[in-house]
C-alpha atoms as a PDB file:
ATOM      1  CA  MET A   1       2.415 -14.195   7.235  1.00  0.00           C
ATOM      2  CA  SER A   2       3.321 -16.108   4.133  1.00  0.00           C
ATOM      3  CA  TYR A   3      -0.122 -16.659   2.679  1.00  0.00           C
ATOM      4  CA  ASN A   4      -2.300 -14.245   0.716  1.00  0.00           C
ATOM      5  CA  ILE A   5      -4.572 -11.360   1.597  1.00  0.00           C
ATOM      6  CA  ASP A   6      -8.183 -11.856   0.494  1.00  0.00           C
ATOM      7  CA  ASP A   7      -9.301  -8.330   1.393  1.00  0.00           C
ATOM      8  CA  PHE A   8      -7.421  -5.093   2.122  1.00  0.00           C
ATOM      9  CA  LYS A   9     -10.018  -2.565   3.273  1.00  0.00           C
ATOM     10  CA  VAL A  10      -8.790   0.965   3.939  1.00  0.00           C
ATOM     11  CA  LYS A  11     -10.667   2.469   6.884  1.00  0.00           C
ATOM     12  CA  LYS A  12      -8.713   5.733   7.146  1.00  0.00           C
ATOM     13  CA  LEU A  13      -6.201   7.388   4.842  1.00  0.00           C
ATOM     14  CA  GLU A  14      -5.256  10.846   6.081  1.00  0.00           C
ATOM     15  CA  ASN A  15      -2.378  12.940   4.679  1.00  0.00           C
ATOM     16  CA  PHE A  16      -0.678   9.634   3.846  1.00  0.00           C
ATOM     17  CA  LYS A  17       2.408  10.371   1.747  1.00  0.00           C
ATOM     18  CA  ILE A  18       5.317   8.381   0.389  1.00  0.00           C
ATOM     19  CA  ALA A  19       8.239   9.960  -1.446  1.00  0.00           C
ATOM     20  CA  LEU A  20       8.195   9.339  -5.189  1.00  0.00           C
ATOM     21  CA  LYS A  21      11.800   8.063  -4.986  1.00  0.00           C
ATOM     22  CA  ASP A  22      10.698   5.262  -2.615  1.00  0.00           C
ATOM     23  CA  PHE A  23       8.642   3.524  -5.328  1.00  0.00           C
ATOM     24  CA  ASP A  24      11.302   1.156  -6.692  1.00  0.00           C
ATOM     25  CA  LYS A  25      11.200   1.147 -10.493  1.00  0.00           C
ATOM     26  CA  LYS A  26      12.306  -2.518 -10.561  1.00  0.00           C
ATOM     27  CA  ILE A  27       9.151  -3.451  -8.652  1.00  0.00           C
ATOM     28  CA  PHE A  28       6.625  -0.898  -9.913  1.00  0.00           C
ATOM     29  CA  GLY A  29       7.930  -0.064 -13.391  1.00  0.00           C
ATOM     30  CA  ASN A  30       6.816   3.246 -14.861  1.00  0.00           C
ATOM     31  CA  PRO A  31       3.730   4.713 -13.211  1.00  0.00           C
ATOM     32  CA  GLU A  32       0.687   5.986 -15.056  1.00  0.00           C
ATOM     33  CA  PHE A  33       0.670   9.787 -14.789  1.00  0.00           C
ATOM     34  CA  ASP A  34      -1.931  12.405 -15.724  1.00  0.00           C
ATOM     35  CA  PHE A  35      -0.179  15.711 -16.407  1.00  0.00           C
ATOM     36  CA  GLU A  36      -3.401  17.729 -16.053  1.00  0.00           C
ATOM     37  CA  THR A  37      -4.353  16.473 -12.594  1.00  0.00           C
ATOM     38  CA  ASN A  38      -0.971  15.205 -11.278  1.00  0.00           C
ATOM     39  CA  GLU A  39      -2.683  11.885 -10.504  1.00  0.00           C
ATOM     40  CA  ILE A  40      -0.257   8.980 -10.399  1.00  0.00           C
ATOM     41  CA  LYS A  41      -0.785   5.227 -10.194  1.00  0.00           C
ATOM     42  CA  PHE A  42       1.783   2.577  -9.352  1.00  0.00           C
ATOM     43  CA  GLU A  43       1.131  -1.109  -9.983  1.00  0.00           C
ATOM     44  CA  SER A  44       3.324  -4.100  -9.283  1.00  0.00           C
ATOM     45  CA  TYR A  45       3.004  -7.486 -10.875  1.00  0.00           C
ATOM     46  CA  GLU A  46       4.368  -9.057  -7.695  1.00  0.00           C
ATOM     47  CA  CYS A  47       0.762  -9.862  -6.768  1.00  0.00           C
ATOM     48  CA  GLU A  48      -2.686 -10.033  -8.326  1.00  0.00           C
ATOM     49  CA  VAL A  49      -3.592  -6.525  -7.128  1.00  0.00           C
ATOM     50  CA  CYS A  50      -0.781  -4.330  -5.812  1.00  0.00           C
ATOM     51  CA  GLU A  51      -1.674  -0.738  -6.560  1.00  0.00           C
ATOM     52  CA  PHE A  52      -1.067   2.666  -5.066  1.00  0.00           C
ATOM     53  CA  LYS A  53      -2.922   5.725  -6.410  1.00  0.00           C
ATOM     54  CA  GLY A  54      -2.615   9.347  -5.433  1.00  0.00           C
ATOM     55  CA  VAL A  55      -1.568  12.841  -6.411  1.00  0.00           C
ATOM     56  CA  LEU A  56       2.022  13.899  -6.938  1.00  0.00           C
ATOM     57  CA  VAL A  57       2.856  16.997  -4.854  1.00  0.00           C
ATOM     58  CA  ASP A  58       6.393  18.313  -4.307  1.00  0.00           C
ATOM     59  CA  GLY A  59       8.060  14.933  -4.824  1.00  0.00           C
ATOM     60  CA  TYR A  60       5.587  13.012  -2.655  1.00  0.00           C
ATOM     61  CA  VAL A  61       2.656  10.810  -3.596  1.00  0.00           C
ATOM     62  CA  GLU A  62      -0.354  11.744  -1.457  1.00  0.00           C
ATOM     63  CA  LEU A  63      -2.151   8.423  -1.550  1.00  0.00           C
ATOM     64  CA  ASN A  64      -5.923   8.202  -1.875  1.00  0.00           C
ATOM     65  CA  LYS A  65      -6.173   4.491  -2.730  1.00  0.00           C
ATOM     66  CA  ILE A  66      -4.210   1.391  -1.775  1.00  0.00           C
ATOM     67  CA  GLY A  67      -5.049  -2.115  -2.955  1.00  0.00           C
ATOM     68  CA  ILE A  68      -3.078  -5.205  -1.946  1.00  0.00           C
ATOM     69  CA  TYR A  69      -4.761  -8.594  -2.305  1.00  0.00           C
ATOM     70  CA  GLY A  70      -4.899 -11.826  -4.248  1.00  0.00           C
ATOM     71  CA  GLU A  71      -2.224 -14.228  -5.441  1.00  0.00           C
ATOM     72  CA  GLY A  72       1.233 -13.193  -4.201  1.00  0.00           C
ATOM     73  CA  SER A  73      -0.053 -10.504  -1.821  1.00  0.00           C
ATOM     74  CA  GLY A  74       1.329 -12.148   1.329  1.00  0.00           C
ATOM     75  CA  HIS A  75       4.800 -12.229  -0.190  1.00  0.00           C
ATOM     76  CA  PHE A  76       4.406  -8.649  -1.443  1.00  0.00           C
ATOM     77  CA  MET A  77       3.479  -7.361   2.021  1.00  0.00           C
ATOM     78  CA  ALA A  78       6.281  -9.276   3.746  1.00  0.00           C
ATOM     79  CA  GLU A  79       9.023  -8.340   1.271  1.00  0.00           C
ATOM     80  CA  ILE A  80       7.977  -4.988  -0.236  1.00  0.00           C
ATOM     81  CA  GLY A  81       4.735  -3.465   1.046  1.00  0.00           C
ATOM     82  CA  ASP A  82       5.597  -3.241   4.742  1.00  0.00           C
ATOM     83  CA  LYS A  83       8.938  -1.585   3.974  1.00  0.00           C
ATOM     84  CA  LEU A  84       7.336   0.915   1.600  1.00  0.00           C
ATOM     85  CA  LEU A  85       4.496   1.789   3.992  1.00  0.00           C
ATOM     86  CA  LYS A  86       6.974   2.360   6.831  1.00  0.00           C
ATOM     87  CA  LYS A  87       8.555   5.169   4.766  1.00  0.00           C
ATOM     88  CA  SER A  88       5.313   7.150   4.956  1.00  0.00           C
ATOM     89  CA  THR A  89       4.014  10.139   6.828  1.00  0.00           C
ATOM     90  CA  GLY A  90       0.372  10.542   7.784  1.00  0.00           C
ATOM     91  CA  THR A  91      -2.139   7.913   8.841  1.00  0.00           C
ATOM     92  CA  LEU A  92      -3.310   4.628   7.346  1.00  0.00           C
ATOM     93  CA  ILE A  93      -5.746   2.312   9.077  1.00  0.00           C
ATOM     94  CA  ALA A  94      -6.759  -0.832   7.207  1.00  0.00           C
ATOM     95  CA  ARG A  95      -8.390  -4.183   7.865  1.00  0.00           C
ATOM     96  CA  LEU A  96      -6.646  -7.175   6.324  1.00  0.00           C
ATOM     97  CA  VAL A  97      -8.472 -10.462   5.887  1.00  0.00           C
ATOM     98  CA  TRP A  98      -5.927 -13.197   5.322  1.00  0.00           C
ATOM     99  CA  GLU A  99      -6.604 -16.190   3.095  1.00  0.00           C
ATOM    100  CA  GLU A 100     -10.042 -17.739   3.642  1.00  0.00           C
ATOM    101  CA  GLY A 101     -10.559 -15.659   6.783  1.00  0.00           C
ATOM    102  CA  ASP A 102      -7.926 -17.596   8.733  1.00  0.00           C
ATOM    103  CA  SER A 103      -7.100 -14.348  10.467  1.00  0.00           C
ATOM    104  CA  VAL A 104      -8.224 -10.747  10.395  1.00  0.00           C
ATOM    105  CA  GLU A 105      -6.008  -7.919  11.533  1.00  0.00           C
ATOM    106  CA  LYS A 106      -6.079  -4.192  11.892  1.00  0.00           C
ATOM    107  CA  LEU A 107      -3.058  -2.477  10.355  1.00  0.00           C
ATOM    108  CA  THR A 108      -2.282   1.015  11.645  1.00  0.00           C
ATOM    109  CA  ILE A 109       0.583   3.094  10.312  1.00  0.00           C
ATOM    110  CA  ILE A 110       1.158   6.578  11.706  1.00  0.00           C
ATOM    111  CA  ASP A 111       4.179   8.481  10.433  1.00  0.00           C
ATOM    112  CA  GLY A 112       5.899   5.251   9.426  1.00  0.00           C
ATOM    113  CA  VAL A 113       5.308   3.407  12.699  1.00  0.00           C
ATOM    114  CA  GLU A 114       3.393   0.177  12.152  1.00  0.00           C
ATOM    115  CA  GLU A 115       1.085  -1.566  14.603  1.00  0.00           C
ATOM    116  CA  ARG A 116      -0.896  -4.754  13.945  1.00  0.00           C
ATOM    117  CA  GLU A 117      -3.753  -6.066  16.026  1.00  0.00           C
ATOM    118  CA  GLU A 118      -5.628  -9.362  15.624  1.00  0.00           C
ATOM    119  CA  LEU A 119      -9.377  -8.826  15.371  1.00  0.00           C
END
């Protein structure tokens, strides 16, 4: 889909990890990192809100928050987000509401395998 996401609602995020090396520095720049808690946050200016937050453990980011919506989010998902999410392990289930509610879909990713279902 080439238009934007109005709402990206995470329904389930369980042991969802992406290798630190998979967050392209050209897209995400330098992450915010808290040395006391190992919390890490990646943001991309490719869209209005493109953020991934989690805890860094043994070279992997165990994600506890994902936000992808607003201006540029459709392009981000098509060109960057889908590829990044497919490099994951664990489970992500999210509901995506595309621009002005034109379509709503359920996104399920389990160990890097993506499935989309129109709702």
